[in-house]
């Protein structure tokens, strides 16, 4: 079984999504100018669509409101089965310093 690699990271003013394209290269999607460093807790949601068929898109929602979107992403994940266990999403949180 093949696994998709998706990594999502949040920074003070940006969110970064990395994923593995069909050609084996990592594709980077950057959402800039996010208001994350205001001392409040935020909810973040990513909606990925059509990445297996091409012309994919990623929508970023911040606190239940759409903050940004990226269209026409490169094709990815076409070799995966429709099994929900074939994609793993990992988020990493740094320890407070």
PDB file of N, CA and C in Angstrom:
ATOM      1  N   UNK A   1       0.853  -1.181   0.000  1.00  0.00           N
ATOM      2  CA  UNK A   1       0.000   0.000   0.000  1.00  0.00           C
ATOM      3  C   UNK A   1       0.894   1.237   0.000  1.00  0.00           C
ATOM      4  N   UNK A   2       0.581   2.199  -0.842  1.00  0.00           N
ATOM      5  CA  UNK A   2       1.342   3.449  -0.870  1.00  0.00           C
ATOM      6  C   UNK A   2       0.683   4.474   0.035  1.00  0.00           C
ATOM      7  N   UNK A   3       1.501   5.313   0.639  1.00  0.00           N
ATOM      8  CA  UNK A   3       0.998   6.360   1.525  1.00  0.00           C
ATOM      9  C   UNK A   3       1.302   7.722   0.937  1.00  0.00           C
ATOM     10  N   UNK A   4       0.399   8.648   1.136  1.00  0.00           N
ATOM     11  CA  UNK A   4       0.629  10.032   0.716  1.00  0.00           C
ATOM     12  C   UNK A   4       1.307  10.766   1.856  1.00  0.00           C
ATOM     13  N   UNK A   5       2.147  11.689   1.504  1.00  0.00           N
ATOM     14  CA  UNK A   5       2.830  12.498   2.502  1.00  0.00           C
ATOM     15  C   UNK A   5       2.255  13.899   2.452  1.00  0.00           C
ATOM     16  N   UNK A   6       1.652  14.320   3.553  1.00  0.00           N
ATOM     17  CA  UNK A   6       1.106  15.665   3.670  1.00  0.00           C
ATOM     18  C   UNK A   6       1.625  16.238   4.979  1.00  0.00           C
ATOM     19  N   UNK A   7       2.265  17.383   4.914  1.00  0.00           N
ATOM     20  CA  UNK A   7       2.769  18.039   6.119  1.00  0.00           C
ATOM     21  C   UNK A   7       2.222  19.454   6.137  1.00  0.00           C
ATOM     22  N   UNK A   8       1.651  19.837   7.257  1.00  0.00           N
ATOM     23  CA  UNK A   8       1.077  21.167   7.417  1.00  0.00           C
ATOM     24  C   UNK A   8       1.742  21.833   8.605  1.00  0.00           C
ATOM     25  N   UNK A   9       2.223  23.068   8.420  1.00  0.00           N
ATOM     26  CA  UNK A   9       2.902  23.795   9.499  1.00  0.00           C
ATOM     27  C   UNK A   9       2.336  25.200   9.611  1.00  0.00           C
ATOM     28  N   UNK A  10       2.195  25.669  10.830  1.00  0.00           N
ATOM     29  CA  UNK A  10       1.749  27.040  11.086  1.00  0.00           C
ATOM     30  C   UNK A  10       2.915  27.850  11.634  1.00  0.00           C
ATOM     31  N   UNK A  11       3.037  29.060  11.150  1.00  0.00           N
ATOM     32  CA  UNK A  11       4.041  30.002  11.633  1.00  0.00           C
ATOM     33  C   UNK A  11       3.309  31.260  12.102  1.00  0.00           C
ATOM     34  N   UNK A  12       4.016  32.265  12.543  1.00  0.00           N
ATOM     35  CA  UNK A  12       3.372  33.459  13.098  1.00  0.00           C
ATOM     36  C   UNK A  12       2.427  34.149  12.119  1.00  0.00           C
ATOM     37  N   UNK A  13       2.775  34.212  10.850  1.00  0.00           N
ATOM     38  CA  UNK A  13       1.928  34.912   9.883  1.00  0.00           C
ATOM     39  C   UNK A  13       1.693  34.100   8.622  1.00  0.00           C
ATOM     40  N   UNK A  14       1.968  32.789   8.675  1.00  0.00           N
ATOM     41  CA  UNK A  14       1.817  31.976   7.471  1.00  0.00           C
ATOM     42  C   UNK A  14       1.471  30.537   7.831  1.00  0.00           C
ATOM     43  N   UNK A  15       0.859  29.861   6.879  1.00  0.00           N
ATOM     44  CA  UNK A  15       0.607  28.429   6.964  1.00  0.00           C
ATOM     45  C   UNK A  15       1.248  27.799   5.733  1.00  0.00           C
ATOM     46  N   UNK A  16       1.902  26.665   5.925  1.00  0.00           N
ATOM     47  CA  UNK A  16       2.613  26.016   4.833  1.00  0.00           C
ATOM     48  C   UNK A  16       2.141  24.573   4.716  1.00  0.00           C
ATOM     49  N   UNK A  17       1.785  24.185   3.499  1.00  0.00           N
ATOM     50  CA  UNK A  17       1.364  22.821   3.195  1.00  0.00           C
ATOM     51  C   UNK A  17       2.385  22.223   2.237  1.00  0.00           C
ATOM     52  N   UNK A  18       2.907  21.057   2.593  1.00  0.00           N
ATOM     53  CA  UNK A  18       3.830  20.340   1.710  1.00  0.00           C
ATOM     54  C   UNK A  18       3.208  18.989   1.394  1.00  0.00           C
ATOM     55  N   UNK A  19       3.270  18.596   0.102  1.00  0.00           N
ATOM     56  CA  UNK A  19       2.806  17.265  -0.253  1.00  0.00           C
ATOM     57  C   UNK A  19       3.623  16.712  -1.407  1.00  0.00           C
ATOM     58  N   UNK A  20       3.581  15.390  -1.541  1.00  0.00           N
ATOM     59  CA  UNK A  20       4.362  14.687  -2.539  1.00  0.00           C
ATOM     60  C   UNK A  20       3.566  14.574  -3.830  1.00  0.00           C
ATOM     61  N   UNK A  21       4.134  15.103  -4.930  1.00  0.00           N
ATOM     62  CA  UNK A  21       3.489  15.024  -6.236  1.00  0.00           C
ATOM     63  C   UNK A  21       3.766  13.654  -6.859  1.00  0.00           C
ATOM     64  N   UNK A  22       3.063  13.351  -7.967  1.00  0.00           N
ATOM     65  CA  UNK A  22       3.243  12.070  -8.645  1.00  0.00           C
ATOM     66  C   UNK A  22       4.657  11.858  -9.151  1.00  0.00           C
ATOM     67  N   UNK A  23       5.373  12.925  -9.466  1.00  0.00           N
ATOM     68  CA  UNK A  23       6.737  12.784  -9.984  1.00  0.00           C
ATOM     69  C   UNK A  23       7.770  12.596  -8.869  1.00  0.00           C
ATOM     70  N   UNK A  24       7.297  12.477  -7.623  1.00  0.00           N
ATOM     71  CA  UNK A  24       8.188  12.256  -6.497  1.00  0.00           C
ATOM     72  C   UNK A  24       8.759  13.519  -5.887  1.00  0.00           C
ATOM     73  N   UNK A  25       8.391  14.667  -6.413  1.00  0.00           N
ATOM     74  CA  UNK A  25       8.885  15.938  -5.886  1.00  0.00           C
ATOM     75  C   UNK A  25       7.898  16.511  -4.876  1.00  0.00           C
ATOM     76  N   UNK A  26       8.439  17.266  -3.931  1.00  0.00           N
ATOM     77  CA  UNK A  26       7.603  17.917  -2.922  1.00  0.00           C
ATOM     78  C   UNK A  26       7.051  19.216  -3.497  1.00  0.00           C
ATOM     79  N   UNK A  27       5.747  19.436  -3.331  1.00  0.00           N
ATOM     80  CA  UNK A  27       5.123  20.695  -3.754  1.00  0.00           C
ATOM     81  C   UNK A  27       4.805  21.492  -2.495  1.00  0.00           C
ATOM     82  N   UNK A  28       5.028  22.781  -2.560  1.00  0.00           N
ATOM     83  CA  UNK A  28       4.855  23.670  -1.416  1.00  0.00           C
ATOM     84  C   UNK A  28       3.750  24.674  -1.718  1.00  0.00           C
ATOM     85  N   UNK A  29       2.783  24.793  -0.804  1.00  0.00           N
ATOM     86  CA  UNK A  29       1.728  25.801  -0.901  1.00  0.00           C
ATOM     87  C   UNK A  29       1.851  26.681   0.335  1.00  0.00           C
ATOM     88  N   UNK A  30       1.992  27.988   0.141  1.00  0.00           N
ATOM     89  CA  UNK A  30       2.184  28.915   1.256  1.00  0.00           C
ATOM     90  C   UNK A  30       1.014  29.886   1.312  1.00  0.00           C
ATOM     91  N   UNK A  31       0.414  29.992   2.475  1.00  0.00           N
ATOM     92  CA  UNK A  31      -0.640  30.975   2.734  1.00  0.00           C
ATOM     93  C   UNK A  31      -0.012  32.055   3.614  1.00  0.00           C
ATOM     94  N   UNK A  32       0.137  33.251   3.080  1.00  0.00           N
ATOM     95  CA  UNK A  32       0.792  34.354   3.791  1.00  0.00           C
ATOM     96  C   UNK A  32      -0.227  35.304   4.421  1.00  0.00           C
ATOM     97  N   UNK A  33       0.277  36.212   5.224  1.00  0.00           N
ATOM     98  CA  UNK A  33      -0.505  37.297   5.831  1.00  0.00           C
ATOM     99  C   UNK A  33      -1.671  36.804   6.679  1.00  0.00           C
ATOM    100  N   UNK A  34      -1.452  35.747   7.428  1.00  0.00           N
ATOM    101  CA  UNK A  34      -2.472  35.267   8.358  1.00  0.00           C
ATOM    102  C   UNK A  34      -2.268  35.946   9.708  1.00  0.00           C
ATOM    103  N   UNK A  35      -3.340  36.249  10.372  1.00  0.00           N
ATOM    104  CA  UNK A  35      -3.273  36.898  11.681  1.00  0.00           C
ATOM    105  C   UNK A  35      -3.303  35.828  12.771  1.00  0.00           C
ATOM    106  N   UNK A  36      -2.149  35.242  13.042  1.00  0.00           N
ATOM    107  CA  UNK A  36      -2.063  34.160  14.019  1.00  0.00           C
ATOM    108  C   UNK A  36      -1.365  34.562  15.310  1.00  0.00           C
ATOM    109  N   UNK A  37      -0.561  35.604  15.285  1.00  0.00           N
ATOM    110  CA  UNK A  37       0.249  36.001  16.440  1.00  0.00           C
ATOM    111  C   UNK A  37      -0.429  37.100  17.243  1.00  0.00           C
ATOM    112  N   UNK A  38      -1.671  36.841  17.651  1.00  0.00           N
ATOM    113  CA  UNK A  38      -2.411  37.855  18.406  1.00  0.00           C
ATOM    114  C   UNK A  38      -2.711  37.414  19.840  1.00  0.00           C
ATOM    115  N   UNK A  39      -2.085  36.311  20.271  1.00  0.00           N
ATOM    116  CA  UNK A  39      -2.278  35.844  21.637  1.00  0.00           C
ATOM    117  C   UNK A  39      -3.540  35.026  21.848  1.00  0.00           C
ATOM    118  N   UNK A  40      -4.335  34.841  20.807  1.00  0.00           N
ATOM    119  CA  UNK A  40      -5.569  34.057  20.932  1.00  0.00           C
ATOM    120  C   UNK A  40      -5.382  32.671  20.328  1.00  0.00           C
ATOM    121  N   UNK A  41      -6.244  31.758  20.731  1.00  0.00           N
ATOM    122  CA  UNK A  41      -6.259  30.414  20.164  1.00  0.00           C
ATOM    123  C   UNK A  41      -7.082  30.445  18.879  1.00  0.00           C
ATOM    124  N   UNK A  42      -6.591  29.779  17.824  1.00  0.00           N
ATOM    125  CA  UNK A  42      -7.278  29.783  16.534  1.00  0.00           C
ATOM    126  C   UNK A  42      -7.583  28.368  16.076  1.00  0.00           C
ATOM    127  N   UNK A  43      -8.613  28.258  15.250  1.00  0.00           N
ATOM    128  CA  UNK A  43      -8.972  26.989  14.621  1.00  0.00           C
ATOM    129  C   UNK A  43      -8.631  27.091  13.140  1.00  0.00           C
ATOM    130  N   UNK A  44      -7.937  26.073  12.634  1.00  0.00           N
ATOM    131  CA  UNK A  44      -7.503  26.076  11.240  1.00  0.00           C
ATOM    132  C   UNK A  44      -8.028  24.814  10.565  1.00  0.00           C
ATOM    133  N   UNK A  45      -8.577  24.989   9.369  1.00  0.00           N
ATOM    134  CA  UNK A  45      -9.079  23.863   8.586  1.00  0.00           C
ATOM    135  C   UNK A  45      -8.539  23.981   7.168  1.00  0.00           C
ATOM    136  N   UNK A  46      -8.046  22.878   6.627  1.00  0.00           N
ATOM    137  CA  UNK A  46      -7.625  22.814   5.230  1.00  0.00           C
ATOM    138  C   UNK A  46      -8.606  21.932   4.478  1.00  0.00           C
ATOM    139  N   UNK A  47      -9.050  22.391   3.339  1.00  0.00           N
ATOM    140  CA  UNK A  47      -9.923  21.586   2.480  1.00  0.00           C
ATOM    141  C   UNK A  47      -9.186  21.357   1.168  1.00  0.00           C
ATOM    142  N   UNK A  48      -8.798  20.117   0.916  1.00  0.00           N
ATOM    143  CA  UNK A  48      -8.098  19.749  -0.304  1.00  0.00           C
ATOM    144  C   UNK A  48      -9.087  19.071  -1.236  1.00  0.00           C
ATOM    145  N   UNK A  49      -9.105  19.458  -2.506  1.00  0.00           N
ATOM    146  CA  UNK A  49     -10.030  18.830  -3.447  1.00  0.00           C
ATOM    147  C   UNK A  49      -9.371  18.613  -4.800  1.00  0.00           C
ATOM    148  N   UNK A  50      -9.782  17.547  -5.465  1.00  0.00           N
ATOM    149  CA  UNK A  50      -9.363  17.185  -6.829  1.00  0.00           C
ATOM    150  C   UNK A  50      -7.863  16.993  -6.999  1.00  0.00           C
ATOM    151  N   UNK A  51      -7.144  16.640  -5.967  1.00  0.00           N
ATOM    152  CA  UNK A  51      -5.703  16.471  -6.118  1.00  0.00           C
ATOM    153  C   UNK A  51      -5.340  15.209  -6.892  1.00  0.00           C
ATOM    154  N   UNK A  52      -6.217  14.207  -6.912  1.00  0.00           N
ATOM    155  CA  UNK A  52      -5.930  12.996  -7.677  1.00  0.00           C
ATOM    156  C   UNK A  52      -6.157  13.209  -9.166  1.00  0.00           C
ATOM    157  N   UNK A  53      -7.082  14.054  -9.539  1.00  0.00           N
ATOM    158  CA  UNK A  53      -7.450  14.237 -10.943  1.00  0.00           C
ATOM    159  C   UNK A  53      -6.736  15.416 -11.598  1.00  0.00           C
ATOM    160  N   UNK A  54      -6.082  16.243 -10.845  1.00  0.00           N
ATOM    161  CA  UNK A  54      -5.443  17.435 -11.393  1.00  0.00           C
ATOM    162  C   UNK A  54      -6.342  18.638 -11.218  1.00  0.00           C
ATOM    163  N   UNK A  55      -5.820  19.825 -11.496  1.00  0.00           N
ATOM    164  CA  UNK A  55      -6.551  21.074 -11.253  1.00  0.00           C
ATOM    165  C   UNK A  55      -7.086  21.120  -9.833  1.00  0.00           C
ATOM    166  N   UNK A  56      -6.289  20.664  -8.900  1.00  0.00           N
ATOM    167  CA  UNK A  56      -6.700  20.612  -7.510  1.00  0.00           C
ATOM    168  C   UNK A  56      -6.717  21.982  -6.865  1.00  0.00           C
ATOM    169  N   UNK A  57      -7.298  22.022  -5.680  1.00  0.00           N
ATOM    170  CA  UNK A  57      -7.342  23.272  -4.938  1.00  0.00           C
ATOM    171  C   UNK A  57      -7.203  22.989  -3.447  1.00  0.00           C
ATOM    172  N   UNK A  58      -6.734  23.999  -2.738  1.00  0.00           N
ATOM    173  CA  UNK A  58      -6.649  23.959  -1.284  1.00  0.00           C
ATOM    174  C   UNK A  58      -7.284  25.236  -0.769  1.00  0.00           C
ATOM    175  N   UNK A  59      -8.207  25.082   0.171  1.00  0.00           N
ATOM    176  CA  UNK A  59      -8.834  26.238   0.817  1.00  0.00           C
ATOM    177  C   UNK A  59      -8.422  26.229   2.279  1.00  0.00           C
ATOM    178  N   UNK A  60      -8.059  27.382   2.789  1.00  0.00           N
ATOM    179  CA  UNK A  60      -7.664  27.530   4.184  1.00  0.00           C
ATOM    180  C   UNK A  60      -8.739  28.328   4.900  1.00  0.00           C
ATOM    181  N   UNK A  61      -9.260  27.751   5.987  1.00  0.00           N
ATOM    182  CA  UNK A  61     -10.249  28.430   6.819  1.00  0.00           C
ATOM    183  C   UNK A  61      -9.605  28.731   8.162  1.00  0.00           C
ATOM    184  N   UNK A  62      -9.771  29.940   8.622  1.00  0.00           N
ATOM    185  CA  UNK A  62      -9.240  30.378   9.903  1.00  0.00           C
ATOM    186  C   UNK A  62     -10.410  30.859  10.746  1.00  0.00           C
ATOM    187  N   UNK A  63     -10.626  30.205  11.875  1.00  0.00           N
ATOM    188  CA  UNK A  63     -11.753  30.531  12.761  1.00  0.00           C
ATOM    189  C   UNK A  63     -13.082  30.531  12.001  1.00  0.00           C
ATOM    190  N   UNK A  64     -13.298  29.477  11.220  1.00  0.00           N
ATOM    191  CA  UNK A  64     -14.549  29.217  10.483  1.00  0.00           C
ATOM    192  C   UNK A  64     -14.804  30.157   9.308  1.00  0.00           C
ATOM    193  N   UNK A  65     -13.860  30.987   8.936  1.00  0.00           N
ATOM    194  CA  UNK A  65     -14.011  31.878   7.779  1.00  0.00           C
ATOM    195  C   UNK A  65     -12.895  31.574   6.783  1.00  0.00           C
ATOM    196  N   UNK A  66     -13.254  31.537   5.497  1.00  0.00           N
ATOM    197  CA  UNK A  66     -12.239  31.255   4.492  1.00  0.00           C
ATOM    198  C   UNK A  66     -11.236  32.404   4.439  1.00  0.00           C
ATOM    199  N   UNK A  67      -9.969  32.071   4.675  1.00  0.00           N
ATOM    200  CA  UNK A  67      -8.912  33.081   4.705  1.00  0.00           C
ATOM    201  C   UNK A  67      -8.178  33.181   3.377  1.00  0.00           C
ATOM    202  N   UNK A  68      -8.086  32.062   2.648  1.00  0.00           N
ATOM    203  CA  UNK A  68      -7.339  32.065   1.391  1.00  0.00           C
ATOM    204  C   UNK A  68      -7.623  30.773   0.648  1.00  0.00           C
ATOM    205  N   UNK A  69      -7.294  30.748  -0.633  1.00  0.00           N
ATOM    206  CA  UNK A  69      -7.393  29.525  -1.425  1.00  0.00           C
ATOM    207  C   UNK A  69      -6.349  29.557  -2.530  1.00  0.00           C
ATOM    208  N   UNK A  70      -5.957  28.370  -2.961  1.00  0.00           N
ATOM    209  CA  UNK A  70      -5.010  28.220  -4.060  1.00  0.00           C
ATOM    210  C   UNK A  70      -5.620  27.231  -5.035  1.00  0.00           C
ATOM    211  N   UNK A  71      -5.646  27.585  -6.310  1.00  0.00           N
ATOM    212  CA  UNK A  71      -6.248  26.748  -7.356  1.00  0.00           C
ATOM    213  C   UNK A  71      -5.167  26.230  -8.300  1.00  0.00           C
ATOM    214  N   UNK A  72      -5.567  25.285  -9.154  1.00  0.00           N
ATOM    215  CA  UNK A  72      -4.703  24.713 -10.193  1.00  0.00           C
ATOM    216  C   UNK A  72      -3.427  24.100  -9.634  1.00  0.00           C
ATOM    217  N   UNK A  73      -3.583  23.304  -8.588  1.00  0.00           N
ATOM    218  CA  UNK A  73      -2.426  22.628  -8.008  1.00  0.00           C
ATOM    219  C   UNK A  73      -2.035  21.423  -8.854  1.00  0.00           C
ATOM    220  N   UNK A  74      -0.754  21.038  -8.829  1.00  0.00           N
ATOM    221  CA  UNK A  74      -0.314  19.862  -9.581  1.00  0.00           C
ATOM    222  C   UNK A  74      -1.002  18.592  -9.091  1.00  0.00           C
ATOM    223  N   UNK A  75      -1.130  17.654 -10.001  1.00  0.00           N
ATOM    224  CA  UNK A  75      -1.765  16.379  -9.681  1.00  0.00           C
ATOM    225  C   UNK A  75      -0.929  15.638  -8.634  1.00  0.00           C
ATOM    226  N   UNK A  76      -1.620  15.021  -7.703  1.00  0.00           N
ATOM    227  CA  UNK A  76      -0.953  14.251  -6.647  1.00  0.00           C
ATOM    228  C   UNK A  76      -1.847  13.093  -6.237  1.00  0.00           C
ATOM    229  N   UNK A  77      -1.284  12.110  -5.611  1.00  0.00           N
ATOM    230  CA  UNK A  77      -2.016  11.001  -5.002  1.00  0.00           C
ATOM    231  C   UNK A  77      -2.752  10.105  -5.997  1.00  0.00           C
ATOM    232  N   UNK A  78      -2.457  10.130  -7.287  1.00  0.00           N
ATOM    233  CA  UNK A  78      -3.222   9.325  -8.244  1.00  0.00           C
ATOM    234  C   UNK A  78      -2.985   7.833  -8.051  1.00  0.00           C
ATOM    235  N   UNK A  79      -1.871   7.462  -7.452  1.00  0.00           N
ATOM    236  CA  UNK A  79      -1.583   6.049  -7.246  1.00  0.00           C
ATOM    237  C   UNK A  79      -2.228   5.467  -6.004  1.00  0.00           C
ATOM    238  N   UNK A  80      -2.941   6.252  -5.257  1.00  0.00           N
ATOM    239  CA  UNK A  80      -3.544   5.775  -4.013  1.00  0.00           C
ATOM    240  C   UNK A  80      -4.886   5.121  -4.264  1.00  0.00           C
ATOM    241  N   UNK A  81      -5.212   4.174  -3.428  1.00  0.00           N
ATOM    242  CA  UNK A  81      -6.537   3.574  -3.471  1.00  0.00           C
ATOM    243  C   UNK A  81      -7.512   4.517  -2.777  1.00  0.00           C
ATOM    244  N   UNK A  82      -8.779   4.196  -2.827  1.00  0.00           N
ATOM    245  CA  UNK A  82      -9.792   5.014  -2.162  1.00  0.00           C
ATOM    246  C   UNK A  82      -9.933   4.659  -0.683  1.00  0.00           C
ATOM    247  N   UNK A  83      -9.043   3.841  -0.175  1.00  0.00           N
ATOM    248  CA  UNK A  83      -9.045   3.452   1.220  1.00  0.00           C
ATOM    249  C   UNK A  83      -8.688   4.665   2.080  1.00  0.00           C
ATOM    250  N   UNK A  84      -9.534   5.026   3.056  1.00  0.00           N
ATOM    251  CA  UNK A  84      -9.239   6.203   3.883  1.00  0.00           C
ATOM    252  C   UNK A  84      -7.960   6.063   4.697  1.00  0.00           C
ATOM    253  N   UNK A  85      -7.459   4.852   4.885  1.00  0.00           N
ATOM    254  CA  UNK A  85      -6.228   4.657   5.645  1.00  0.00           C
ATOM    255  C   UNK A  85      -4.986   4.900   4.798  1.00  0.00           C
ATOM    256  N   UNK A  86      -5.160   5.200   3.505  1.00  0.00           N
ATOM    257  CA  UNK A  86      -4.004   5.372   2.624  1.00  0.00           C
ATOM    258  C   UNK A  86      -3.419   6.779   2.691  1.00  0.00           C
ATOM    259  N   UNK A  87      -4.094   7.704   3.345  1.00  0.00           N
ATOM    260  CA  UNK A  87      -3.573   9.059   3.509  1.00  0.00           C
ATOM    261  C   UNK A  87      -3.423   9.351   4.996  1.00  0.00           C
ATOM    262  N   UNK A  88      -2.282   9.867   5.347  1.00  0.00           N
ATOM    263  CA  UNK A  88      -2.019  10.206   6.741  1.00  0.00           C
ATOM    264  C   UNK A  88      -1.658  11.678   6.823  1.00  0.00           C
ATOM    265  N   UNK A  89      -2.343  12.407   7.655  1.00  0.00           N
ATOM    266  CA  UNK A  89      -2.065  13.826   7.865  1.00  0.00           C
ATOM    267  C   UNK A  89      -1.416  13.982   9.231  1.00  0.00           C
ATOM    268  N   UNK A  90      -0.258  14.628   9.246  1.00  0.00           N
ATOM    269  CA  UNK A  90       0.443  14.835  10.507  1.00  0.00           C
ATOM    270  C   UNK A  90       0.580  16.322  10.767  1.00  0.00           C
ATOM    271  N   UNK A  91       0.346  16.702  11.978  1.00  0.00           N
ATOM    272  CA  UNK A  91       0.605  18.078  12.398  1.00  0.00           C
ATOM    273  C   UNK A  91       1.612  18.017  13.533  1.00  0.00           C
ATOM    274  N   UNK A  92       2.499  18.960  13.545  1.00  0.00           N
ATOM    275  CA  UNK A  92       3.540  18.996  14.565  1.00  0.00           C
ATOM    276  C   UNK A  92       3.429  20.298  15.333  1.00  0.00           C
ATOM    277  N   UNK A  93       3.480  20.186  16.654  1.00  0.00           N
ATOM    278  CA  UNK A  93       3.445  21.376  17.489  1.00  0.00           C
ATOM    279  C   UNK A  93       4.760  21.467  18.235  1.00  0.00           C
ATOM    280  N   UNK A  94       5.325  22.644  18.217  1.00  0.00           N
ATOM    281  CA  UNK A  94       6.559  22.857  18.966  1.00  0.00           C
ATOM    282  C   UNK A  94       6.226  23.113  20.419  1.00  0.00           C
ATOM    283  N   UNK A  95       7.138  22.696  21.271  1.00  0.00           N
ATOM    284  CA  UNK A  95       6.964  22.960  22.694  1.00  0.00           C
ATOM    285  C   UNK A  95       7.203  24.440  22.957  1.00  0.00           C
ATOM    286  N   UNK A  96       6.445  25.042  23.880  1.00  0.00           N
ATOM    287  CA  UNK A  96       6.683  26.450  24.222  1.00  0.00           C
ATOM    288  C   UNK A  96       8.092  26.622  24.778  1.00  0.00           C
ATOM    289  N   UNK A  97       8.712  27.739  24.430  1.00  0.00           N
ATOM    290  CA  UNK A  97      10.076  27.980  24.906  1.00  0.00           C
ATOM    291  C   UNK A  97      10.081  28.901  26.090  1.00  0.00           C
TER     292      UNK A  97
END
